[in-house]
Amino acid sequence: MKAIISRNRKIILVSIISFTLMLMIFSTVFVIRSHAMTSVPAEDQEVYYKYTAMYRVCAGDTLSSIAQMYMDDVHYSSEAEYITELKKMNQIYFGDDLKSGELITVCYYSTEYR
């Protein structure tokens, strides 16, 4: 009889410990998720839209000078990164040969939705 009571106590104790651990895990996950969701409210985040435009190359323009006009530090880590994107968009494979009057596609970011 004592063995049955002892066995039942062990089962109850293991059940209580398991329930407590699961409750602690769910509570921790809930706190972490709620903190992540409230740390930066959506209305405070600035939304950027990516646009493209046609640019007519002027005499003396280089990819570097065009990059200085259109790139921003938020979306590009360097001028070289923006120039690489310009080259891909305009299929410029060698150097940066631009001809005066030529139309090229440039990209830029804006907070205004158009």
PDB file of N, CA and C in Angstrom:
ATOM      1  N   MET A   1       0.804  -1.191   0.000  1.00  0.00           N
ATOM      2  CA  MET A   1       0.000   0.000   0.000  1.00  0.00           C
ATOM      3  C   MET A   1       0.854   1.266   0.000  1.00  0.00           C
ATOM      4  N   LYS A   2       1.936   1.250   0.825  1.00  0.00           N
ATOM      5  CA  LYS A   2       2.813   2.398   0.885  1.00  0.00           C
ATOM      6  C   LYS A   2       3.474   2.652  -0.469  1.00  0.00           C
ATOM      7  N   ALA A   3       3.783   1.590  -1.197  1.00  0.00           N
ATOM      8  CA  ALA A   3       4.422   1.726  -2.508  1.00  0.00           C
ATOM      9  C   ALA A   3       3.494   2.429  -3.484  1.00  0.00           C
ATOM     10  N   ILE A   4       2.212   2.140  -3.419  1.00  0.00           N
ATOM     11  CA  ILE A   4       1.231   2.776  -4.306  1.00  0.00           C
ATOM     12  C   ILE A   4       1.101   4.259  -3.983  1.00  0.00           C
ATOM     13  N   ILE A   5       1.053   4.590  -2.703  1.00  0.00           N
ATOM     14  CA  ILE A   5       0.946   5.992  -2.288  1.00  0.00           C
ATOM     15  C   ILE A   5       2.203   6.741  -2.707  1.00  0.00           C
ATOM     16  N   SER A   6       3.354   6.156  -2.500  1.00  0.00           N
ATOM     17  CA  SER A   6       4.623   6.791  -2.876  1.00  0.00           C
ATOM     18  C   SER A   6       4.676   6.998  -4.384  1.00  0.00           C
ATOM     19  N   ARG A   7       4.228   6.023  -5.141  1.00  0.00           N
ATOM     20  CA  ARG A   7       4.220   6.127  -6.613  1.00  0.00           C
ATOM     21  C   ARG A   7       3.280   7.249  -7.051  1.00  0.00           C
ATOM     22  N   ASN A   8       2.110   7.353  -6.472  1.00  0.00           N
ATOM     23  CA  ASN A   8       1.152   8.406  -6.800  1.00  0.00           C
ATOM     24  C   ASN A   8       1.721   9.780  -6.463  1.00  0.00           C
ATOM     25  N   ARG A   9       2.408   9.883  -5.335  1.00  0.00           N
ATOM     26  CA  ARG A   9       3.035  11.154  -4.967  1.00  0.00           C
ATOM     27  C   ARG A   9       4.082  11.562  -6.001  1.00  0.00           C
ATOM     28  N   LYS A  10       4.875  10.611  -6.458  1.00  0.00           N
ATOM     29  CA  LYS A  10       5.894  10.910  -7.466  1.00  0.00           C
ATOM     30  C   LYS A  10       5.250  11.392  -8.763  1.00  0.00           C
ATOM     31  N   ILE A  11       4.190  10.761  -9.175  1.00  0.00           N
ATOM     32  CA  ILE A  11       3.479  11.152 -10.396  1.00  0.00           C
ATOM     33  C   ILE A  11       2.926  12.563 -10.250  1.00  0.00           C
ATOM     34  N   ILE A  12       2.319  12.844  -9.090  1.00  0.00           N
ATOM     35  CA  ILE A  12       1.773  14.179  -8.853  1.00  0.00           C
ATOM     36  C   ILE A  12       2.896  15.216  -8.829  1.00  0.00           C
ATOM     37  N   LEU A  13       3.987  14.915  -8.189  1.00  0.00           N
ATOM     38  CA  LEU A  13       5.125  15.837  -8.104  1.00  0.00           C
ATOM     39  C   LEU A  13       5.719  16.107  -9.484  1.00  0.00           C
ATOM     40  N   VAL A  14       5.896  15.078 -10.279  1.00  0.00           N
ATOM     41  CA  VAL A  14       6.420  15.253 -11.639  1.00  0.00           C
ATOM     42  C   VAL A  14       5.450  16.077 -12.484  1.00  0.00           C
ATOM     43  N   SER A  15       4.160  15.859 -12.330  1.00  0.00           N
ATOM     44  CA  SER A  15       3.154  16.629 -13.068  1.00  0.00           C
ATOM     45  C   SER A  15       3.200  18.100 -12.687  1.00  0.00           C
ATOM     46  N   ILE A  16       3.331  18.380 -11.395  1.00  0.00           N
ATOM     47  CA  ILE A  16       3.389  19.772 -10.927  1.00  0.00           C
ATOM     48  C   ILE A  16       4.654  20.453 -11.446  1.00  0.00           C
ATOM     49  N   ILE A  17       5.768  19.779 -11.397  1.00  0.00           N
ATOM     50  CA  ILE A  17       7.033  20.346 -11.890  1.00  0.00           C
ATOM     51  C   ILE A  17       6.951  20.592 -13.399  1.00  0.00           C
ATOM     52  N   SER A  18       6.408  19.645 -14.145  1.00  0.00           N
ATOM     53  CA  SER A  18       6.268  19.796 -15.593  1.00  0.00           C
ATOM     54  C   SER A  18       5.372  20.980 -15.937  1.00  0.00           C
ATOM     55  N   PHE A  19       4.251  21.085 -15.248  1.00  0.00           N
ATOM     56  CA  PHE A  19       3.325  22.191 -15.480  1.00  0.00           C
ATOM     57  C   PHE A  19       3.997  23.530 -15.165  1.00  0.00           C
ATOM     58  N   THR A  20       4.726  23.586 -14.061  1.00  0.00           N
ATOM     59  CA  THR A  20       5.412  24.819 -13.668  1.00  0.00           C
ATOM     60  C   THR A  20       6.463  25.215 -14.708  1.00  0.00           C
ATOM     61  N   LEU A  21       7.230  24.277 -15.182  1.00  0.00           N
ATOM     62  CA  LEU A  21       8.243  24.565 -16.205  1.00  0.00           C
ATOM     63  C   LEU A  21       7.599  25.062 -17.494  1.00  0.00           C
ATOM     64  N   MET A  22       6.534  24.414 -17.928  1.00  0.00           N
ATOM     65  CA  MET A  22       5.846  24.851 -19.147  1.00  0.00           C
ATOM     66  C   MET A  22       5.284  26.255 -18.970  1.00  0.00           C
ATOM     67  N   LEU A  23       4.724  26.544 -17.816  1.00  0.00           N
ATOM     68  CA  LEU A  23       4.193  27.871 -17.531  1.00  0.00           C
ATOM     69  C   LEU A  23       5.299  28.919 -17.565  1.00  0.00           C
ATOM     70  N   MET A  24       6.460  28.597 -17.021  1.00  0.00           N
ATOM     71  CA  MET A  24       7.599  29.529 -17.031  1.00  0.00           C
ATOM     72  C   MET A  24       8.078  29.779 -18.462  1.00  0.00           C
ATOM     73  N   ILE A  25       8.134  28.747 -19.266  1.00  0.00           N
ATOM     74  CA  ILE A  25       8.585  28.891 -20.656  1.00  0.00           C
ATOM     75  C   ILE A  25       7.611  29.762 -21.432  1.00  0.00           C
ATOM     76  N   PHE A  26       6.325  29.487 -21.330  1.00  0.00           N
ATOM     77  CA  PHE A  26       5.331  30.292 -22.045  1.00  0.00           C
ATOM     78  C   PHE A  26       5.333  31.745 -21.565  1.00  0.00           C
ATOM     79  N   SER A  27       5.512  31.954 -20.278  1.00  0.00           N
ATOM     80  CA  SER A  27       5.571  33.319 -19.748  1.00  0.00           C
ATOM     81  C   SER A  27       6.779  34.064 -20.306  1.00  0.00           C
ATOM     82  N   THR A  28       7.909  33.406 -20.351  1.00  0.00           N
ATOM     83  CA  THR A  28       9.127  34.022 -20.891  1.00  0.00           C
ATOM     84  C   THR A  28       8.958  34.371 -22.356  1.00  0.00           C
ATOM     85  N   VAL A  29       8.419  33.456 -23.138  1.00  0.00           N
ATOM     86  CA  VAL A  29       8.186  33.712 -24.562  1.00  0.00           C
ATOM     87  C   VAL A  29       7.219  34.872 -24.740  1.00  0.00           C
ATOM     88  N   PHE A  30       6.172  34.920 -23.945  1.00  0.00           N
ATOM     89  CA  PHE A  30       5.193  36.005 -24.039  1.00  0.00           C
ATOM     90  C   PHE A  30       5.841  37.348 -23.727  1.00  0.00           C
ATOM     91  N   VAL A  31       6.650  37.414 -22.695  1.00  0.00           N
ATOM     92  CA  VAL A  31       7.314  38.671 -22.325  1.00  0.00           C
ATOM     93  C   VAL A  31       8.273  39.111 -23.421  1.00  0.00           C
ATOM     94  N   ILE A  32       9.033  38.189 -23.965  1.00  0.00           N
ATOM     95  CA  ILE A  32       9.984  38.529 -25.032  1.00  0.00           C
ATOM     96  C   ILE A  32       9.244  39.022 -26.270  1.00  0.00           C
ATOM     97  N   ARG A  33       8.194  38.332 -26.678  1.00  0.00           N
ATOM     98  CA  ARG A  33       7.426  38.751 -27.860  1.00  0.00           C
ATOM     99  C   ARG A  33       6.749  40.101 -27.641  1.00  0.00           C
ATOM    100  N   SER A  34       6.169  40.318 -26.478  1.00  0.00           N
ATOM    101  CA  SER A  34       5.489  41.585 -26.236  1.00  0.00           C
ATOM    102  C   SER A  34       6.486  42.732 -26.185  1.00  0.00           C
ATOM    103  N   HIS A  35       7.675  42.485 -25.655  1.00  0.00           N
ATOM    104  CA  HIS A  35       8.704  43.530 -25.637  1.00  0.00           C
ATOM    105  C   HIS A  35       9.170  43.840 -27.051  1.00  0.00           C
ATOM    106  N   ALA A  36       9.364  42.822 -27.863  1.00  0.00           N
ATOM    107  CA  ALA A  36       9.810  43.033 -29.250  1.00  0.00           C
ATOM    108  C   ALA A  36       8.761  43.790 -30.044  1.00  0.00           C
ATOM    109  N   MET A  37       7.507  43.522 -29.792  1.00  0.00           N
ATOM    110  CA  MET A  37       6.443  44.170 -30.547  1.00  0.00           C
ATOM    111  C   MET A  37       6.233  45.619 -30.107  1.00  0.00           C
ATOM    112  N   THR A  38       6.545  45.934 -28.863  1.00  0.00           N
ATOM    113  CA  THR A  38       6.303  47.283 -28.368  1.00  0.00           C
ATOM    114  C   THR A  38       7.551  48.142 -28.317  1.00  0.00           C
ATOM    115  N   SER A  39       8.714  47.582 -28.617  1.00  0.00           N
ATOM    116  CA  SER A  39       9.943  48.361 -28.497  1.00  0.00           C
ATOM    117  C   SER A  39       9.996  49.492 -29.524  1.00  0.00           C
ATOM    118  N   VAL A  40       9.500  49.273 -30.744  1.00  0.00           N
ATOM    119  CA  VAL A  40       9.449  50.322 -31.757  1.00  0.00           C
ATOM    120  C   VAL A  40       8.060  50.301 -32.378  1.00  0.00           C
ATOM    121  N   PRO A  41       7.185  51.188 -31.942  1.00  0.00           N
ATOM    122  CA  PRO A  41       5.829  51.203 -32.503  1.00  0.00           C
ATOM    123  C   PRO A  41       5.852  51.464 -34.003  1.00  0.00           C
ATOM    124  N   ALA A  42       4.904  50.855 -34.708  1.00  0.00           N
ATOM    125  CA  ALA A  42       4.856  50.957 -36.164  1.00  0.00           C
ATOM    126  C   ALA A  42       4.723  52.395 -36.628  1.00  0.00           C
ATOM    127  N   GLU A  43       3.986  53.216 -35.894  1.00  0.00           N
ATOM    128  CA  GLU A  43       3.798  54.591 -36.346  1.00  0.00           C
ATOM    129  C   GLU A  43       5.077  55.421 -36.207  1.00  0.00           C
ATOM    130  N   ASP A  44       6.028  54.961 -35.384  1.00  0.00           N
ATOM    131  CA  ASP A  44       7.284  55.683 -35.226  1.00  0.00           C
ATOM    132  C   ASP A  44       8.333  55.271 -36.257  1.00  0.00           C
ATOM    133  N   GLN A  45       8.125  54.146 -36.918  1.00  0.00           N
ATOM    134  CA  GLN A  45       9.080  53.688 -37.915  1.00  0.00           C
ATOM    135  C   GLN A  45       8.873  54.470 -39.207  1.00  0.00           C
ATOM    136  N   GLU A  46       9.984  54.886 -39.796  1.00  0.00           N
ATOM    137  CA  GLU A  46       9.887  55.594 -41.061  1.00  0.00           C
ATOM    138  C   GLU A  46       9.915  54.570 -42.191  1.00  0.00           C
ATOM    139  N   VAL A  47       8.943  54.645 -43.065  1.00  0.00           N
ATOM    140  CA  VAL A  47       8.831  53.706 -44.178  1.00  0.00           C
ATOM    141  C   VAL A  47       9.440  54.350 -45.419  1.00  0.00           C
ATOM    142  N   TYR A  48      10.311  53.596 -46.087  1.00  0.00           N
ATOM    143  CA  TYR A  48      10.938  54.080 -47.305  1.00  0.00           C
ATOM    144  C   TYR A  48      10.419  53.284 -48.494  1.00  0.00           C
ATOM    145  N   TYR A  49      10.223  53.963 -49.593  1.00  0.00           N
ATOM    146  CA  TYR A  49       9.812  53.328 -50.837  1.00  0.00           C
ATOM    147  C   TYR A  49      10.947  53.497 -51.834  1.00  0.00           C
ATOM    148  N   LYS A  50      11.204  52.455 -52.602  1.00  0.00           N
ATOM    149  CA  LYS A  50      12.277  52.501 -53.589  1.00  0.00           C
ATOM    150  C   LYS A  50      11.682  52.843 -54.948  1.00  0.00           C
ATOM    151  N   TYR A  51      12.272  53.821 -55.602  1.00  0.00           N
ATOM    152  CA  TYR A  51      11.805  54.270 -56.907  1.00  0.00           C
ATOM    153  C   TYR A  51      12.945  54.265 -57.903  1.00  0.00           C
ATOM    154  N   THR A  52      12.577  54.260 -59.172  1.00  0.00           N
ATOM    155  CA  THR A  52      13.555  54.433 -60.237  1.00  0.00           C
ATOM    156  C   THR A  52      13.139  55.639 -61.067  1.00  0.00           C
ATOM    157  N   ALA A  53      14.123  56.231 -61.714  1.00  0.00           N
ATOM    158  CA  ALA A  53      13.865  57.379 -62.579  1.00  0.00           C
ATOM    159  C   ALA A  53      14.873  57.339 -63.722  1.00  0.00           C
ATOM    160  N   MET A  54      14.561  58.039 -64.771  1.00  0.00           N
ATOM    161  CA  MET A  54      15.491  58.156 -65.897  1.00  0.00           C
ATOM    162  C   MET A  54      16.303  59.439 -65.692  1.00  0.00           C
ATOM    163  N   TYR A  55      17.589  59.333 -65.917  1.00  0.00           N
ATOM    164  CA  TYR A  55      18.484  60.474 -65.764  1.00  0.00           C
ATOM    165  C   TYR A  55      19.233  60.674 -67.080  1.00  0.00           C
ATOM    166  N   ARG A  56      19.214  61.896 -67.592  1.00  0.00           N
ATOM    167  CA  ARG A  56      19.954  62.212 -68.810  1.00  0.00           C
ATOM    168  C   ARG A  56      21.359  62.641 -68.411  1.00  0.00           C
ATOM    169  N   VAL A  57      22.337  61.922 -68.921  1.00  0.00           N
ATOM    170  CA  VAL A  57      23.736  62.174 -68.583  1.00  0.00           C
ATOM    171  C   VAL A  57      24.180  63.505 -69.183  1.00  0.00           C
ATOM    172  N   CYS A  58      24.823  64.313 -68.371  1.00  0.00           N
ATOM    173  CA  CYS A  58      25.376  65.595 -68.824  1.00  0.00           C
ATOM    174  C   CYS A  58      26.881  65.428 -69.047  1.00  0.00           C
ATOM    175  N   ALA A  59      27.454  66.362 -69.784  1.00  0.00           N
ATOM    176  CA  ALA A  59      28.899  66.326 -70.035  1.00  0.00           C
ATOM    177  C   ALA A  59      29.634  66.360 -68.695  1.00  0.00           C
ATOM    178  N   GLY A  60      30.592  65.481 -68.527  1.00  0.00           N
ATOM    179  CA  GLY A  60      31.383  65.436 -67.297  1.00  0.00           C
ATOM    180  C   GLY A  60      30.806  64.547 -66.214  1.00  0.00           C
ATOM    181  N   ASP A  61      29.586  64.032 -66.397  1.00  0.00           N
ATOM    182  CA  ASP A  61      28.992  63.142 -65.393  1.00  0.00           C
ATOM    183  C   ASP A  61      29.747  61.818 -65.337  1.00  0.00           C
ATOM    184  N   THR A  62      29.880  61.307 -64.137  1.00  0.00           N
ATOM    185  CA  THR A  62      30.429  59.960 -63.922  1.00  0.00           C
ATOM    186  C   THR A  62      29.444  59.203 -63.041  1.00  0.00           C
ATOM    187  N   LEU A  63      29.638  57.910 -62.939  1.00  0.00           N
ATOM    188  CA  LEU A  63      28.775  57.134 -62.049  1.00  0.00           C
ATOM    189  C   LEU A  63      28.928  57.620 -60.610  1.00  0.00           C
ATOM    190  N   SER A  64      30.129  58.042 -60.271  1.00  0.00           N
ATOM    191  CA  SER A  64      30.375  58.555 -58.929  1.00  0.00           C
ATOM    192  C   SER A  64      29.601  59.852 -58.676  1.00  0.00           C
ATOM    193  N   SER A  65      29.603  60.762 -59.628  1.00  0.00           N
ATOM    194  CA  SER A  65      28.880  62.022 -59.426  1.00  0.00           C
ATOM    195  C   SER A  65      27.370  61.795 -59.393  1.00  0.00           C
ATOM    196  N   ILE A  66      26.892  60.831 -60.167  1.00  0.00           N
ATOM    197  CA  ILE A  66      25.462  60.501 -60.146  1.00  0.00           C
ATOM    198  C   ILE A  66      25.108  59.836 -58.813  1.00  0.00           C
ATOM    199  N   ALA A  67      25.988  58.982 -58.328  1.00  0.00           N
ATOM    200  CA  ALA A  67      25.764  58.320 -57.040  1.00  0.00           C
ATOM    201  C   ALA A  67      25.655  59.359 -55.923  1.00  0.00           C
ATOM    202  N   GLN A  68      26.482  60.379 -55.971  1.00  0.00           N
ATOM    203  CA  GLN A  68      26.433  61.422 -54.938  1.00  0.00           C
ATOM    204  C   GLN A  68      25.101  62.170 -54.957  1.00  0.00           C
ATOM    205  N   MET A  69      24.459  62.243 -56.113  1.00  0.00           N
ATOM    206  CA  MET A  69      23.168  62.929 -56.200  1.00  0.00           C
ATOM    207  C   MET A  69      22.013  62.073 -55.672  1.00  0.00           C
ATOM    208  N   TYR A  70      22.060  60.750 -55.898  1.00  0.00           N
ATOM    209  CA  TYR A  70      20.890  59.913 -55.643  1.00  0.00           C
ATOM    210  C   TYR A  70      20.990  58.968 -54.456  1.00  0.00           C
ATOM    211  N   MET A  71      22.173  58.570 -54.044  1.00  0.00           N
ATOM    212  CA  MET A  71      22.271  57.571 -52.977  1.00  0.00           C
ATOM    213  C   MET A  71      22.090  58.210 -51.606  1.00  0.00           C
ATOM    214  N   ASP A  72      21.732  57.384 -50.640  1.00  0.00           N
ATOM    215  CA  ASP A  72      21.650  57.850 -49.256  1.00  0.00           C
ATOM    216  C   ASP A  72      22.371  56.849 -48.362  1.00  0.00           C
ATOM    217  N   ASP A  73      22.744  57.304 -47.192  1.00  0.00           N
ATOM    218  CA  ASP A  73      23.522  56.469 -46.272  1.00  0.00           C
ATOM    219  C   ASP A  73      22.672  55.452 -45.515  1.00  0.00           C
ATOM    220  N   VAL A  74      21.358  55.586 -45.583  1.00  0.00           N
ATOM    221  CA  VAL A  74      20.481  54.651 -44.879  1.00  0.00           C
ATOM    222  C   VAL A  74      20.419  53.314 -45.605  1.00  0.00           C
ATOM    223  N   HIS A  75      20.387  53.344 -46.936  1.00  0.00           N
ATOM    224  CA  HIS A  75      20.191  52.119 -47.720  1.00  0.00           C
ATOM    225  C   HIS A  75      21.453  51.585 -48.378  1.00  0.00           C
ATOM    226  N   TYR A  76      22.495  52.365 -48.400  1.00  0.00           N
ATOM    227  CA  TYR A  76      23.746  51.936 -49.021  1.00  0.00           C
ATOM    228  C   TYR A  76      24.894  52.195 -48.061  1.00  0.00           C
ATOM    229  N   SER A  77      25.760  51.204 -47.909  1.00  0.00           N
ATOM    230  CA  SER A  77      26.875  51.359 -46.980  1.00  0.00           C
ATOM    231  C   SER A  77      28.030  52.142 -47.595  1.00  0.00           C
ATOM    232  N   SER A  78      28.052  52.222 -48.932  1.00  0.00           N
ATOM    233  CA  SER A  78      29.133  52.956 -49.583  1.00  0.00           C
ATOM    234  C   SER A  78      28.699  53.398 -50.977  1.00  0.00           C
ATOM    235  N   GLU A  79      29.444  54.328 -51.507  1.00  0.00           N
ATOM    236  CA  GLU A  79      29.195  54.798 -52.874  1.00  0.00           C
ATOM    237  C   GLU A  79      29.417  53.652 -53.864  1.00  0.00           C
ATOM    238  N   ALA A  80      30.408  52.819 -53.591  1.00  0.00           N
ATOM    239  CA  ALA A  80      30.710  51.682 -54.469  1.00  0.00           C
ATOM    240  C   ALA A  80      29.521  50.729 -54.563  1.00  0.00           C
ATOM    241  N   GLU A  81      28.804  50.529 -53.465  1.00  0.00           N
ATOM    242  CA  GLU A  81      27.632  49.650 -53.475  1.00  0.00           C
ATOM    243  C   GLU A  81      26.541  50.220 -54.393  1.00  0.00           C
ATOM    244  N   TYR A  82      26.324  51.532 -54.317  1.00  0.00           N
ATOM    245  CA  TYR A  82      25.313  52.164 -55.175  1.00  0.00           C
ATOM    246  C   TYR A  82      25.742  52.086 -56.639  1.00  0.00           C
ATOM    247  N   ILE A  83      27.023  52.334 -56.914  1.00  0.00           N
ATOM    248  CA  ILE A  83      27.527  52.278 -58.290  1.00  0.00           C
ATOM    249  C   ILE A  83      27.362  50.869 -58.854  1.00  0.00           C
ATOM    250  N   THR A  84      27.606  49.861 -58.040  1.00  0.00           N
ATOM    251  CA  THR A  84      27.414  48.472 -58.479  1.00  0.00           C
ATOM    252  C   THR A  84      25.960  48.241 -58.889  1.00  0.00           C
ATOM    253  N   GLU A  85      25.034  48.788 -58.112  1.00  0.00           N
ATOM    254  CA  GLU A  85      23.611  48.650 -58.460  1.00  0.00           C
ATOM    255  C   GLU A  85      23.296  49.394 -59.755  1.00  0.00           C
ATOM    256  N   LEU A  86      23.846  50.611 -59.919  1.00  0.00           N
ATOM    257  CA  LEU A  86      23.646  51.360 -61.165  1.00  0.00           C
ATOM    258  C   LEU A  86      24.152  50.576 -62.372  1.00  0.00           C
ATOM    259  N   LYS A  87      25.331  49.985 -62.222  1.00  0.00           N
ATOM    260  CA  LYS A  87      25.911  49.210 -63.330  1.00  0.00           C
ATOM    261  C   LYS A  87      25.017  48.027 -63.697  1.00  0.00           C
ATOM    262  N   LYS A  88      24.489  47.340 -62.706  1.00  0.00           N
ATOM    263  CA  LYS A  88      23.607  46.199 -62.979  1.00  0.00           C
ATOM    264  C   LYS A  88      22.327  46.657 -63.658  1.00  0.00           C
ATOM    265  N   MET A  89      21.742  47.750 -63.147  1.00  0.00           N
ATOM    266  CA  MET A  89      20.476  48.231 -63.696  1.00  0.00           C
ATOM    267  C   MET A  89      20.621  48.688 -65.147  1.00  0.00           C
ATOM    268  N   ASN A  90      21.787  49.214 -65.488  1.00  0.00           N
ATOM    269  CA  ASN A  90      21.998  49.788 -66.816  1.00  0.00           C
ATOM    270  C   ASN A  90      22.895  48.926 -67.705  1.00  0.00           C
ATOM    271  N   GLN A  91      23.187  47.724 -67.234  1.00  0.00           N
ATOM    272  CA  GLN A  91      23.994  46.770 -67.985  1.00  0.00           C
ATOM    273  C   GLN A  91      25.312  47.386 -68.436  1.00  0.00           C
ATOM    274  N   ILE A  92      25.985  48.019 -67.502  1.00  0.00           N
ATOM    275  CA  ILE A  92      27.316  48.569 -67.758  1.00  0.00           C
ATOM    276  C   ILE A  92      28.301  47.552 -67.196  1.00  0.00           C
ATOM    277  N   TYR A  93      29.004  46.875 -68.090  1.00  0.00           N
ATOM    278  CA  TYR A  93      29.855  45.776 -67.658  1.00  0.00           C
ATOM    279  C   TYR A  93      31.324  46.157 -67.495  1.00  0.00           C
ATOM    280  N   PHE A  94      31.789  47.134 -68.235  1.00  0.00           N
ATOM    281  CA  PHE A  94      33.195  47.508 -68.169  1.00  0.00           C
ATOM    282  C   PHE A  94      33.323  49.004 -67.930  1.00  0.00           C
ATOM    283  N   GLY A  95      34.085  49.380 -66.916  1.00  0.00           N
ATOM    284  CA  GLY A  95      34.329  50.787 -66.640  1.00  0.00           C
ATOM    285  C   GLY A  95      33.065  51.537 -66.295  1.00  0.00           C
ATOM    286  N   ASP A  96      33.095  52.833 -66.571  1.00  0.00           N
ATOM    287  CA  ASP A  96      31.901  53.651 -66.345  1.00  0.00           C
ATOM    288  C   ASP A  96      31.732  54.616 -67.503  1.00  0.00           C
ATOM    289  N   ASP A  97      31.750  54.053 -68.708  1.00  0.00           N
ATOM    290  CA  ASP A  97      31.601  54.873 -69.910  1.00  0.00           C
ATOM    291  C   ASP A  97      30.188  55.417 -70.010  1.00  0.00           C
ATOM    292  N   LEU A  98      30.059  56.712 -69.816  1.00  0.00           N
ATOM    293  CA  LEU A  98      28.779  57.380 -69.980  1.00  0.00           C
ATOM    294  C   LEU A  98      28.929  58.412 -71.079  1.00  0.00           C
ATOM    295  N   LYS A  99      27.925  58.506 -71.919  1.00  0.00           N
ATOM    296  CA  LYS A  99      27.958  59.475 -73.019  1.00  0.00           C
ATOM    297  C   LYS A  99      26.971  60.592 -72.731  1.00  0.00           C
ATOM    298  N   SER A 100      27.366  61.809 -73.002  1.00  0.00           N
ATOM    299  CA  SER A 100      26.502  62.964 -72.789  1.00  0.00           C
ATOM    300  C   SER A 100      25.207  62.776 -73.587  1.00  0.00           C
ATOM    301  N   GLY A 101      24.077  63.004 -72.947  1.00  0.00           N
ATOM    302  CA  GLY A 101      22.774  62.854 -73.589  1.00  0.00           C
ATOM    303  C   GLY A 101      22.163  61.481 -73.407  1.00  0.00           C
ATOM    304  N   GLU A 102      22.940  60.520 -72.983  1.00  0.00           N
ATOM    305  CA  GLU A 102      22.462  59.153 -72.769  1.00  0.00           C
ATOM    306  C   GLU A 102      21.478  59.120 -71.591  1.00  0.00           C
ATOM    307  N   LEU A 103      20.464  58.283 -71.688  1.00  0.00           N
ATOM    308  CA  LEU A 103      19.525  58.089 -70.585  1.00  0.00           C
ATOM    309  C   LEU A 103      19.914  56.840 -69.805  1.00  0.00           C
ATOM    310  N   ILE A 104      20.008  56.992 -68.487  1.00  0.00           N
ATOM    311  CA  ILE A 104      20.266  55.825 -67.649  1.00  0.00           C
ATOM    312  C   ILE A 104      19.198  55.775 -66.559  1.00  0.00           C
ATOM    313  N   THR A 105      19.009  54.595 -66.014  1.00  0.00           N
ATOM    314  CA  THR A 105      18.065  54.412 -64.923  1.00  0.00           C
ATOM    315  C   THR A 105      18.804  54.564 -63.603  1.00  0.00           C
ATOM    316  N   VAL A 106      18.246  55.365 -62.718  1.00  0.00           N
ATOM    317  CA  VAL A 106      18.802  55.530 -61.377  1.00  0.00           C
ATOM    318  C   VAL A 106      17.729  55.125 -60.369  1.00  0.00           C
ATOM    319  N   CYS A 107      18.150  54.769 -59.184  1.00  0.00           N
ATOM    320  CA  CYS A 107      17.189  54.424 -58.142  1.00  0.00           C
ATOM    321  C   CYS A 107      17.421  55.333 -56.945  1.00  0.00           C
ATOM    322  N   TYR A 108      16.365  55.509 -56.184  1.00  0.00           N
ATOM    323  CA  TYR A 108      16.449  56.326 -54.977  1.00  0.00           C
ATOM    324  C   TYR A 108      15.331  55.908 -54.035  1.00  0.00           C
ATOM    325  N   TYR A 109      15.474  56.311 -52.798  1.00  0.00           N
ATOM    326  CA  TYR A 109      14.465  55.998 -51.786  1.00  0.00           C
ATOM    327  C   TYR A 109      13.800  57.276 -51.307  1.00  0.00           C
ATOM    328  N   SER A 110      12.522  57.173 -50.984  1.00  0.00           N
ATOM    329  CA  SER A 110      11.772  58.315 -50.493  1.00  0.00           C
ATOM    330  C   SER A 110      10.753  57.845 -49.478  1.00  0.00           C
ATOM    331  N   THR A 111      10.432  58.714 -48.533  1.00  0.00           N
ATOM    332  CA  THR A 111       9.394  58.383 -47.551  1.00  0.00           C
ATOM    333  C   THR A 111       8.012  58.700 -48.096  1.00  0.00           C
ATOM    334  N   GLU A 112       7.955  59.390 -49.229  1.00  0.00           N
ATOM    335  CA  GLU A 112       6.675  59.721 -49.847  1.00  0.00           C
ATOM    336  C   GLU A 112       6.223  58.576 -50.747  1.00  0.00           C
ATOM    337  N   TYR A 113       4.972  58.192 -50.602  1.00  0.00           N
ATOM    338  CA  TYR A 113       4.412  57.155 -51.467  1.00  0.00           C
ATOM    339  C   TYR A 113       3.854  57.846 -52.715  1.00  0.00           C
ATOM    340  N   ARG A 114       4.283  57.374 -53.855  1.00  0.00           N
ATOM    341  CA  ARG A 114       3.836  57.993 -55.124  1.00  0.00           C
ATOM    342  C   ARG A 114       3.107  56.995 -55.972  1.00  0.00           C
TER     343      ARG A 114
END
